[in-house]
PDB file of N, CA and C in Angstrom:
ATOM      1  N   MET A   1       0.848  -1.175   0.000  1.00  0.00           N
ATOM      2  CA  MET A   1       0.000   0.000   0.000  1.00  0.00           C
ATOM      3  C   MET A   1       0.898   1.244   0.000  1.00  0.00           C
ATOM      4  N   PRO A   2       0.570   2.247  -0.807  1.00  0.00           N
ATOM      5  CA  PRO A   2       1.382   3.467  -0.843  1.00  0.00           C
ATOM      6  C   PRO A   2       1.459   4.160   0.522  1.00  0.00           C
ATOM      7  N   LYS A   3       2.605   4.781   0.745  1.00  0.00           N
ATOM      8  CA  LYS A   3       2.832   5.524   1.990  1.00  0.00           C
ATOM      9  C   LYS A   3       2.804   7.024   1.696  1.00  0.00           C
ATOM     10  N   TYR A   4       2.358   7.767   2.688  1.00  0.00           N
ATOM     11  CA  TYR A   4       2.271   9.216   2.585  1.00  0.00           C
ATOM     12  C   TYR A   4       2.801   9.834   3.870  1.00  0.00           C
ATOM     13  N   ILE A   5       3.399  11.009   3.728  1.00  0.00           N
ATOM     14  CA  ILE A   5       3.875  11.795   4.864  1.00  0.00           C
ATOM     15  C   ILE A   5       2.921  12.969   5.006  1.00  0.00           C
ATOM     16  N   MET A   6       2.387  13.154   6.191  1.00  0.00           N
ATOM     17  CA  MET A   6       1.500  14.274   6.452  1.00  0.00           C
ATOM     18  C   MET A   6       2.166  15.163   7.505  1.00  0.00           C
ATOM     19  N   LEU A   7       2.539  16.362   7.085  1.00  0.00           N
ATOM     20  CA  LEU A   7       3.135  17.345   7.980  1.00  0.00           C
ATOM     21  C   LEU A   7       2.023  18.281   8.428  1.00  0.00           C
ATOM     22  N   SER A   8       1.933  18.538   9.716  1.00  0.00           N
ATOM     23  CA  SER A   8       0.815  19.352  10.178  1.00  0.00           C
ATOM     24  C   SER A   8       1.228  20.398  11.207  1.00  0.00           C
ATOM     25  N   ASN A   9       0.495  21.495  11.137  1.00  0.00           N
ATOM     26  CA  ASN A   9       0.609  22.583  12.110  1.00  0.00           C
ATOM     27  C   ASN A   9      -0.769  22.835  12.693  1.00  0.00           C
ATOM     28  N   LEU A  10      -0.834  22.927  13.998  1.00  0.00           N
ATOM     29  CA  LEU A  10      -2.086  23.259  14.652  1.00  0.00           C
ATOM     30  C   LEU A  10      -2.372  24.746  14.491  1.00  0.00           C
ATOM     31  N   THR A  11      -3.629  25.077  14.297  1.00  0.00           N
ATOM     32  CA  THR A  11      -4.047  26.476  14.329  1.00  0.00           C
ATOM     33  C   THR A  11      -4.258  26.853  15.800  1.00  0.00           C
ATOM     34  N   ASP A  12      -4.575  28.106  16.064  1.00  0.00           N
ATOM     35  CA  ASP A  12      -4.863  28.510  17.449  1.00  0.00           C
ATOM     36  C   ASP A  12      -5.973  27.642  18.036  1.00  0.00           C
ATOM     37  N   GLU A  13      -7.011  27.416  17.246  1.00  0.00           N
ATOM     38  CA  GLU A  13      -8.134  26.584  17.700  1.00  0.00           C
ATOM     39  C   GLU A  13      -7.681  25.146  17.956  1.00  0.00           C
ATOM     40  N   GLY A  14      -6.819  24.632  17.081  1.00  0.00           N
ATOM     41  CA  GLY A  14      -6.294  23.277  17.252  1.00  0.00           C
ATOM     42  C   GLY A  14      -5.454  23.139  18.512  1.00  0.00           C
ATOM     43  N   ARG A  15      -4.636  24.146  18.807  1.00  0.00           N
ATOM     44  CA  ARG A  15      -3.827  24.106  20.035  1.00  0.00           C
ATOM     45  C   ARG A  15      -4.721  24.084  21.274  1.00  0.00           C
ATOM     46  N   LYS A  16      -5.784  24.871  21.256  1.00  0.00           N
ATOM     47  CA  LYS A  16      -6.722  24.890  22.388  1.00  0.00           C
ATOM     48  C   LYS A  16      -7.360  23.513  22.567  1.00  0.00           C
ATOM     49  N   THR A  17      -7.755  22.914  21.452  1.00  0.00           N
ATOM     50  CA  THR A  17      -8.390  21.596  21.513  1.00  0.00           C
ATOM     51  C   THR A  17      -7.439  20.557  22.078  1.00  0.00           C
ATOM     52  N   VAL A  18      -6.203  20.519  21.587  1.00  0.00           N
ATOM     53  CA  VAL A  18      -5.230  19.521  22.044  1.00  0.00           C
ATOM     54  C   VAL A  18      -4.873  19.747  23.512  1.00  0.00           C
ATOM     55  N   LYS A  19      -4.793  20.996  23.928  1.00  0.00           N
ATOM     56  CA  LYS A  19      -4.473  21.270  25.332  1.00  0.00           C
ATOM     57  C   LYS A  19      -5.600  20.791  26.246  1.00  0.00           C
ATOM     58  N   MET A  20      -6.843  21.069  25.842  1.00  0.00           N
ATOM     59  CA  MET A  20      -7.986  20.699  26.678  1.00  0.00           C
ATOM     60  C   MET A  20      -8.329  19.213  26.559  1.00  0.00           C
ATOM     61  N   ARG A  21      -8.059  18.620  25.377  1.00  0.00           N
ATOM     62  CA  ARG A  21      -8.427  17.230  25.118  1.00  0.00           C
ATOM     63  C   ARG A  21      -7.320  16.516  24.345  1.00  0.00           C
ATOM     64  N   PRO A  22      -6.200  16.206  24.989  1.00  0.00           N
ATOM     65  CA  PRO A  22      -5.089  15.561  24.261  1.00  0.00           C
ATOM     66  C   PRO A  22      -5.487  14.247  23.592  1.00  0.00           C
ATOM     67  N   GLU A  23      -6.494  13.590  24.097  1.00  0.00           N
ATOM     68  CA  GLU A  23      -6.948  12.329  23.498  1.00  0.00           C
ATOM     69  C   GLU A  23      -7.524  12.551  22.095  1.00  0.00           C
ATOM     70  N   ARG A  24      -7.789  13.798  21.746  1.00  0.00           N
ATOM     71  CA  ARG A  24      -8.344  14.128  20.436  1.00  0.00           C
ATOM     72  C   ARG A  24      -7.405  13.686  19.308  1.00  0.00           C
ATOM     73  N   ILE A  25      -6.105  13.707  19.574  1.00  0.00           N
ATOM     74  CA  ILE A  25      -5.124  13.299  18.555  1.00  0.00           C
ATOM     75  C   ILE A  25      -5.405  11.867  18.101  1.00  0.00           C
ATOM     76  N   LYS A  26      -5.591  10.964  19.033  1.00  0.00           N
ATOM     77  CA  LYS A  26      -5.838   9.554  18.678  1.00  0.00           C
ATOM     78  C   LYS A  26      -7.245   9.364  18.123  1.00  0.00           C
ATOM     79  N   GLU A  27      -8.187  10.208  18.525  1.00  0.00           N
ATOM     80  CA  GLU A  27      -9.524  10.141  17.943  1.00  0.00           C
ATOM     81  C   GLU A  27      -9.475  10.461  16.450  1.00  0.00           C
ATOM     82  N   VAL A  28      -8.653  11.437  16.085  1.00  0.00           N
ATOM     83  CA  VAL A  28      -8.503  11.784  14.671  1.00  0.00           C
ATOM     84  C   VAL A  28      -7.886  10.610  13.910  1.00  0.00           C
ATOM     85  N   ASN A  29      -6.938   9.914  14.527  1.00  0.00           N
ATOM     86  CA  ASN A  29      -6.350   8.737  13.885  1.00  0.00           C
ATOM     87  C   ASN A  29      -7.426   7.702  13.568  1.00  0.00           C
ATOM     88  N   ASP A  30      -8.374   7.519  14.496  1.00  0.00           N
ATOM     89  CA  ASP A  30      -9.486   6.590  14.256  1.00  0.00           C
ATOM     90  C   ASP A  30     -10.357   7.078  13.101  1.00  0.00           C
ATOM     91  N   GLU A  31     -10.575   8.388  13.016  1.00  0.00           N
ATOM     92  CA  GLU A  31     -11.362   8.957  11.920  1.00  0.00           C
ATOM     93  C   GLU A  31     -10.658   8.731  10.578  1.00  0.00           C
ATOM     94  N   ILE A  32      -9.346   8.888  10.567  1.00  0.00           N
ATOM     95  CA  ILE A  32      -8.563   8.654   9.352  1.00  0.00           C
ATOM     96  C   ILE A  32      -8.740   7.207   8.892  1.00  0.00           C
ATOM     97  N   GLU A  33      -8.734   6.289   9.837  1.00  0.00           N
ATOM     98  CA  GLU A  33      -8.906   4.879   9.494  1.00  0.00           C
ATOM     99  C   GLU A  33     -10.297   4.640   8.886  1.00  0.00           C
ATOM    100  N   LYS A  34     -11.313   5.280   9.414  1.00  0.00           N
ATOM    101  CA  LYS A  34     -12.668   5.134   8.871  1.00  0.00           C
ATOM    102  C   LYS A  34     -12.770   5.727   7.468  1.00  0.00           C
ATOM    103  N   MET A  35     -11.870   6.679   7.143  1.00  0.00           N
ATOM    104  CA  MET A  35     -11.871   7.284   5.808  1.00  0.00           C
ATOM    105  C   MET A  35     -11.030   6.486   4.810  1.00  0.00           C
ATOM    106  N   GLY A  36     -10.386   5.396   5.272  1.00  0.00           N
ATOM    107  CA  GLY A  36      -9.705   4.515   4.336  1.00  0.00           C
ATOM    108  C   GLY A  36      -8.186   4.485   4.396  1.00  0.00           C
ATOM    109  N   ALA A  37      -7.586   5.158   5.364  1.00  0.00           N
ATOM    110  CA  ALA A  37      -6.126   5.144   5.508  1.00  0.00           C
ATOM    111  C   ALA A  37      -5.778   4.685   6.921  1.00  0.00           C
ATOM    112  N   LYS A  38      -4.495   4.524   7.179  1.00  0.00           N
ATOM    113  CA  LYS A  38      -4.060   4.102   8.511  1.00  0.00           C
ATOM    114  C   LYS A  38      -2.811   4.884   8.894  1.00  0.00           C
ATOM    115  N   VAL A  39      -2.810   5.427  10.117  1.00  0.00           N
ATOM    116  CA  VAL A  39      -1.626   6.103  10.647  1.00  0.00           C
ATOM    117  C   VAL A  39      -0.666   5.022  11.120  1.00  0.00           C
ATOM    118  N   ILE A  40       0.498   4.952  10.468  1.00  0.00           N
ATOM    119  CA  ILE A  40       1.512   3.944  10.800  1.00  0.00           C
ATOM    120  C   ILE A  40       2.413   4.429  11.931  1.00  0.00           C
ATOM    121  N   GLU A  41       2.851   5.669  11.815  1.00  0.00           N
ATOM    122  CA  GLU A  41       3.683   6.292  12.851  1.00  0.00           C
ATOM    123  C   GLU A  41       3.277   7.744  12.984  1.00  0.00           C
ATOM    124  N   GLN A  42       3.471   8.276  14.194  1.00  0.00           N
ATOM    125  CA  GLN A  42       3.100   9.662  14.447  1.00  0.00           C
ATOM    126  C   GLN A  42       4.076  10.239  15.459  1.00  0.00           C
ATOM    127  N   TYR A  43       4.551  11.446  15.145  1.00  0.00           N
ATOM    128  CA  TYR A  43       5.513  12.116  16.017  1.00  0.00           C
ATOM    129  C   TYR A  43       5.106  13.561  16.240  1.00  0.00           C
ATOM    130  N   ALA A  44       5.234  14.016  17.469  1.00  0.00           N
ATOM    131  CA  ALA A  44       5.181  15.445  17.757  1.00  0.00           C
ATOM    132  C   ALA A  44       6.619  15.929  17.574  1.00  0.00           C
ATOM    133  N   VAL A  45       6.806  17.031  16.862  1.00  0.00           N
ATOM    134  CA  VAL A  45       8.154  17.488  16.545  1.00  0.00           C
ATOM    135  C   VAL A  45       8.323  18.964  16.904  1.00  0.00           C
ATOM    136  N   LEU A  46       9.573  19.349  17.046  1.00  0.00           N
ATOM    137  CA  LEU A  46       9.919  20.744  17.263  1.00  0.00           C
ATOM    138  C   LEU A  46      10.370  21.321  15.932  1.00  0.00           C
ATOM    139  N   GLY A  47      10.117  22.594  15.716  1.00  0.00           N
ATOM    140  CA  GLY A  47      10.552  23.216  14.468  1.00  0.00           C
ATOM    141  C   GLY A  47       9.380  23.719  13.670  1.00  0.00           C
ATOM    142  N   GLU A  48       9.478  23.608  12.361  1.00  0.00           N
ATOM    143  CA  GLU A  48       8.499  24.187  11.457  1.00  0.00           C
ATOM    144  C   GLU A  48       7.110  23.547  11.558  1.00  0.00           C
ATOM    145  N   TYR A  49       7.050  22.268  11.922  1.00  0.00           N
ATOM    146  CA  TYR A  49       5.776  21.554  12.016  1.00  0.00           C
ATOM    147  C   TYR A  49       5.536  21.083  13.435  1.00  0.00           C
ATOM    148  N   ASP A  50       4.271  20.840  13.762  1.00  0.00           N
ATOM    149  CA  ASP A  50       3.906  20.326  15.083  1.00  0.00           C
ATOM    150  C   ASP A  50       3.887  18.803  15.124  1.00  0.00           C
ATOM    151  N   PHE A  51       3.465  18.190  14.008  1.00  0.00           N
ATOM    152  CA  PHE A  51       3.371  16.731  13.938  1.00  0.00           C
ATOM    153  C   PHE A  51       3.829  16.240  12.570  1.00  0.00           C
ATOM    154  N   ILE A  52       4.406  15.032  12.577  1.00  0.00           N
ATOM    155  CA  ILE A  52       4.695  14.307  11.343  1.00  0.00           C
ATOM    156  C   ILE A  52       3.999  12.960  11.468  1.00  0.00           C
ATOM    157  N   ASN A  53       3.193  12.643  10.467  1.00  0.00           N
ATOM    158  CA  ASN A  53       2.460  11.383  10.448  1.00  0.00           C
ATOM    159  C   ASN A  53       2.852  10.600   9.207  1.00  0.00           C
ATOM    160  N   ILE A  54       3.032   9.317   9.361  1.00  0.00           N
ATOM    161  CA  ILE A  54       3.286   8.432   8.234  1.00  0.00           C
ATOM    162  C   ILE A  54       2.049   7.556   8.103  1.00  0.00           C
ATOM    163  N   LEU A  55       1.451   7.585   6.913  1.00  0.00           N
ATOM    164  CA  LEU A  55       0.186   6.894   6.682  1.00  0.00           C
ATOM    165  C   LEU A  55       0.292   5.920   5.527  1.00  0.00           C
ATOM    166  N   ASP A  56      -0.511   4.874   5.592  1.00  0.00           N
ATOM    167  CA  ASP A  56      -0.774   3.995   4.468  1.00  0.00           C
ATOM    168  C   ASP A  56      -2.141   4.391   3.928  1.00  0.00           C
ATOM    169  N   ALA A  57      -2.253   4.515   2.621  1.00  0.00           N
ATOM    170  CA  ALA A  57      -3.544   4.780   1.978  1.00  0.00           C
ATOM    171  C   ALA A  57      -3.540   4.067   0.638  1.00  0.00           C
ATOM    172  N   PRO A  58      -4.702   3.650   0.169  1.00  0.00           N
ATOM    173  CA  PRO A  58      -4.726   2.875  -1.074  1.00  0.00           C
ATOM    174  C   PRO A  58      -4.351   3.671  -2.317  1.00  0.00           C
ATOM    175  N   ASP A  59      -4.565   4.999  -2.292  1.00  0.00           N
ATOM    176  CA  ASP A  59      -4.288   5.781  -3.493  1.00  0.00           C
ATOM    177  C   ASP A  59      -4.284   7.278  -3.179  1.00  0.00           C
ATOM    178  N   ASN A  60      -3.867   8.075  -4.171  1.00  0.00           N
ATOM    179  CA  ASN A  60      -3.802   9.529  -4.010  1.00  0.00           C
ATOM    180  C   ASN A  60      -5.180  10.136  -3.736  1.00  0.00           C
ATOM    181  N   GLU A  61      -6.209   9.576  -4.340  1.00  0.00           N
ATOM    182  CA  GLU A  61      -7.556  10.113  -4.153  1.00  0.00           C
ATOM    183  C   GLU A  61      -7.987  10.015  -2.695  1.00  0.00           C
ATOM    184  N   THR A  62      -7.716   8.878  -2.068  1.00  0.00           N
ATOM    185  CA  THR A  62      -8.095   8.681  -0.664  1.00  0.00           C
ATOM    186  C   THR A  62      -7.358   9.661   0.235  1.00  0.00           C
ATOM    187  N   ILE A  63      -6.042   9.789   0.052  1.00  0.00           N
ATOM    188  CA  ILE A  63      -5.277  10.675   0.929  1.00  0.00           C
ATOM    189  C   ILE A  63      -5.642  12.133   0.669  1.00  0.00           C
ATOM    190  N   SER A  64      -5.973  12.472  -0.568  1.00  0.00           N
ATOM    191  CA  SER A  64      -6.412  13.835  -0.872  1.00  0.00           C
ATOM    192  C   SER A  64      -7.724  14.154  -0.161  1.00  0.00           C
ATOM    193  N   ARG A  65      -8.641  13.217  -0.207  1.00  0.00           N
ATOM    194  CA  ARG A  65      -9.932  13.402   0.466  1.00  0.00           C
ATOM    195  C   ARG A  65      -9.739  13.579   1.968  1.00  0.00           C
ATOM    196  N   ILE A  66      -8.854  12.786   2.556  1.00  0.00           N
ATOM    197  CA  ILE A  66      -8.571  12.892   3.987  1.00  0.00           C
ATOM    198  C   ILE A  66      -7.949  14.243   4.313  1.00  0.00           C
ATOM    199  N   SER A  67      -6.986  14.674   3.509  1.00  0.00           N
ATOM    200  CA  SER A  67      -6.329  15.969   3.735  1.00  0.00           C
ATOM    201  C   SER A  67      -7.341  17.110   3.682  1.00  0.00           C
ATOM    202  N   ILE A  68      -8.236  17.051   2.709  1.00  0.00           N
ATOM    203  CA  ILE A  68      -9.243  18.109   2.585  1.00  0.00           C
ATOM    204  C   ILE A  68     -10.197  18.077   3.774  1.00  0.00           C
ATOM    205  N   GLU A  69     -10.644  16.883   4.138  1.00  0.00           N
ATOM    206  CA  GLU A  69     -11.574  16.749   5.268  1.00  0.00           C
ATOM    207  C   GLU A  69     -10.956  17.286   6.560  1.00  0.00           C
ATOM    208  N   LEU A  70      -9.730  16.889   6.845  1.00  0.00           N
ATOM    209  CA  LEU A  70      -9.081  17.357   8.076  1.00  0.00           C
ATOM    210  C   LEU A  70      -8.799  18.853   8.019  1.00  0.00           C
ATOM    211  N   GLY A  71      -8.344  19.323   6.879  1.00  0.00           N
ATOM    212  CA  GLY A  71      -7.986  20.727   6.737  1.00  0.00           C
ATOM    213  C   GLY A  71      -9.169  21.678   6.832  1.00  0.00           C
ATOM    214  N   CYS A  72     -10.337  21.247   6.370  1.00  0.00           N
ATOM    215  CA  CYS A  72     -11.493  22.146   6.363  1.00  0.00           C
ATOM    216  C   CYS A  72     -12.075  22.355   7.754  1.00  0.00           C
ATOM    217  N   ARG A  73     -11.601  21.634   8.734  1.00  0.00           N
ATOM    218  CA  ARG A  73     -12.109  21.781  10.099  1.00  0.00           C
ATOM    219  C   ARG A  73     -11.603  23.052  10.777  1.00  0.00           C
ATOM    220  N   GLY A  74     -10.502  23.594  10.263  1.00  0.00           N
ATOM    221  CA  GLY A  74      -9.973  24.831  10.814  1.00  0.00           C
ATOM    222  C   GLY A  74      -9.065  24.681  12.020  1.00  0.00           C
ATOM    223  N   THR A  75      -8.712  23.449  12.375  1.00  0.00           N
ATOM    224  CA  THR A  75      -7.848  23.226  13.537  1.00  0.00           C
ATOM    225  C   THR A  75      -6.429  22.842  13.153  1.00  0.00           C
ATOM    226  N   ILE A  76      -6.202  22.637  11.863  1.00  0.00           N
ATOM    227  CA  ILE A  76      -4.901  22.143  11.423  1.00  0.00           C
ATOM    228  C   ILE A  76      -4.621  22.590   9.988  1.00  0.00           C
ATOM    229  N   GLN A  77      -3.359  22.855   9.707  1.00  0.00           N
ATOM    230  CA  GLN A  77      -2.883  23.131   8.348  1.00  0.00           C
ATOM    231  C   GLN A  77      -2.006  21.942   7.953  1.00  0.00           C
ATOM    232  N   LEU A  78      -2.212  21.424   6.748  1.00  0.00           N
ATOM    233  CA  LEU A  78      -1.521  20.200   6.343  1.00  0.00           C
ATOM    234  C   LEU A  78      -0.705  20.372   5.073  1.00  0.00           C
ATOM    235  N   VAL A  79       0.389  19.623   5.019  1.00  0.00           N
ATOM    236  CA  VAL A  79       1.144  19.395   3.790  1.00  0.00           C
ATOM    237  C   VAL A  79       1.242  17.875   3.690  1.00  0.00           C
ATOM    238  N   THR A  80       0.731  17.318   2.591  1.00  0.00           N
ATOM    239  CA  THR A  80       0.725  15.865   2.424  1.00  0.00           C
ATOM    240  C   THR A  80       1.589  15.500   1.230  1.00  0.00           C
ATOM    241  N   LEU A  81       2.479  14.553   1.433  1.00  0.00           N
ATOM    242  CA  LEU A  81       3.455  14.154   0.418  1.00  0.00           C
ATOM    243  C   LEU A  81       3.360  12.654   0.149  1.00  0.00           C
ATOM    244  N   ALA A  82       3.433  12.273  -1.113  1.00  0.00           N
ATOM    245  CA  ALA A  82       3.555  10.854  -1.454  1.00  0.00           C
ATOM    246  C   ALA A  82       4.999  10.441  -1.171  1.00  0.00           C
ATOM    247  N   ALA A  83       5.170   9.287  -0.541  1.00  0.00           N
ATOM    248  CA  ALA A  83       6.504   8.803  -0.186  1.00  0.00           C
ATOM    249  C   ALA A  83       6.859   7.602  -1.068  1.00  0.00           C
ATOM    250  N   ILE A  84       8.025   7.647  -1.678  1.00  0.00           N
ATOM    251  CA  ILE A  84       8.489   6.567  -2.545  1.00  0.00           C
ATOM    252  C   ILE A  84       9.618   5.828  -1.812  1.00  0.00           C
ATOM    253  N   PRO A  85       9.448   4.538  -1.528  1.00  0.00           N
ATOM    254  CA  PRO A  85      10.531   3.794  -0.881  1.00  0.00           C
ATOM    255  C   PRO A  85      11.801   3.848  -1.732  1.00  0.00           C
ATOM    256  N   ILE A  86      12.924   3.981  -1.086  1.00  0.00           N
ATOM    257  CA  ILE A  86      14.209   4.112  -1.779  1.00  0.00           C
ATOM    258  C   ILE A  86      14.469   2.914  -2.698  1.00  0.00           C
ATOM    259  N   ASP A  87      14.155   1.706  -2.241  1.00  0.00           N
ATOM    260  CA  ASP A  87      14.373   0.528  -3.087  1.00  0.00           C
ATOM    261  C   ASP A  87      13.553   0.608  -4.371  1.00  0.00           C
ATOM    262  N   GLU A  88      12.330   1.122  -4.257  1.00  0.00           N
ATOM    263  CA  GLU A  88      11.477   1.274  -5.438  1.00  0.00           C
ATOM    264  C   GLU A  88      12.052   2.335  -6.382  1.00  0.00           C
ATOM    265  N   LEU A  89      12.500   3.434  -5.839  1.00  0.00           N
ATOM    266  CA  LEU A  89      13.109   4.497  -6.638  1.00  0.00           C
ATOM    267  C   LEU A  89      14.351   3.973  -7.354  1.00  0.00           C
ATOM    268  N   GLU A  90      15.170   3.238  -6.622  1.00  0.00           N
ATOM    269  CA  GLU A  90      16.376   2.675  -7.218  1.00  0.00           C
ATOM    270  C   GLU A  90      16.024   1.745  -8.382  1.00  0.00           C
ATOM    271  N   GLY A  91      14.966   0.945  -8.210  1.00  0.00           N
ATOM    272  CA  GLY A  91      14.529   0.052  -9.291  1.00  0.00           C
ATOM    273  C   GLY A  91      14.116   0.826 -10.526  1.00  0.00           C
ATOM    274  N   TRP A  92      13.381   1.925 -10.328  1.00  0.00           N
ATOM    275  CA  TRP A  92      12.971   2.760 -11.464  1.00  0.00           C
ATOM    276  C   TRP A  92      14.182   3.339 -12.168  1.00  0.00           C
ATOM    277  N   LEU A  93      15.136   3.816 -11.374  1.00  0.00           N
ATOM    278  CA  LEU A  93      16.329   4.429 -11.956  1.00  0.00           C
ATOM    279  C   LEU A  93      17.158   3.405 -12.721  1.00  0.00           C
ATOM    280  N   MET A  94      17.275   2.209 -12.168  1.00  0.00           N
ATOM    281  CA  MET A  94      18.035   1.156 -12.842  1.00  0.00           C
ATOM    282  C   MET A  94      17.362   0.759 -14.152  1.00  0.00           C
ATOM    283  N   THR A  95      16.036   0.760 -14.189  1.00  0.00           N
ATOM    284  CA  THR A  95      15.306   0.463 -15.422  1.00  0.00           C
ATOM    285  C   THR A  95      15.583   1.522 -16.462  1.00  0.00           C
ATOM    286  N   GLU A  96      15.628   2.788 -16.046  1.00  0.00           N
ATOM    287  CA  GLU A  96      15.917   3.891 -16.964  1.00  0.00           C
ATOM    288  C   GLU A  96      17.316   3.758 -17.549  1.00  0.00           C
ATOM    289  N   ILE A  97      18.278   3.383 -16.726  1.00  0.00           N
ATOM    290  CA  ILE A  97      19.666   3.253 -17.189  1.00  0.00           C
ATOM    291  C   ILE A  97      19.776   2.162 -18.251  1.00  0.00           C
ATOM    292  N   LYS A  98      19.053   1.055 -18.033  1.00  0.00           N
ATOM    293  CA  LYS A  98      19.104  -0.076 -18.963  1.00  0.00           C
ATOM    294  C   LYS A  98      18.384   0.231 -20.276  1.00  0.00           C
ATOM    295  N   SER A  99      17.467   1.181 -20.263  1.00  0.00           N
ATOM    296  CA  SER A  99      16.676   1.500 -21.477  1.00  0.00           C
ATOM    297  C   SER A  99      17.470   2.271 -22.493  1.00  0.00           C
TER     298      SER A  99
END
């Protein structure tokens, strides 16, 4: 299943929600699963983003729908990236070289 990286920043409203209800983070993970993807790993980070999530999703359409759904709530800003495993990338590059 394709992997995706979701970088997120909480809005002011999102920070208030997480402070008052930290369990909300895992509730959102359950919602993501109901929308067709799965959070594989999740980290709170320091720096430009508040969280980094690694997700499995069946396709770009599913992850796009999830990103839009989460983003329209007004509690989070998202950047979602398709992740290509290095071994897969290397295989593509080796095929190009042989062509």
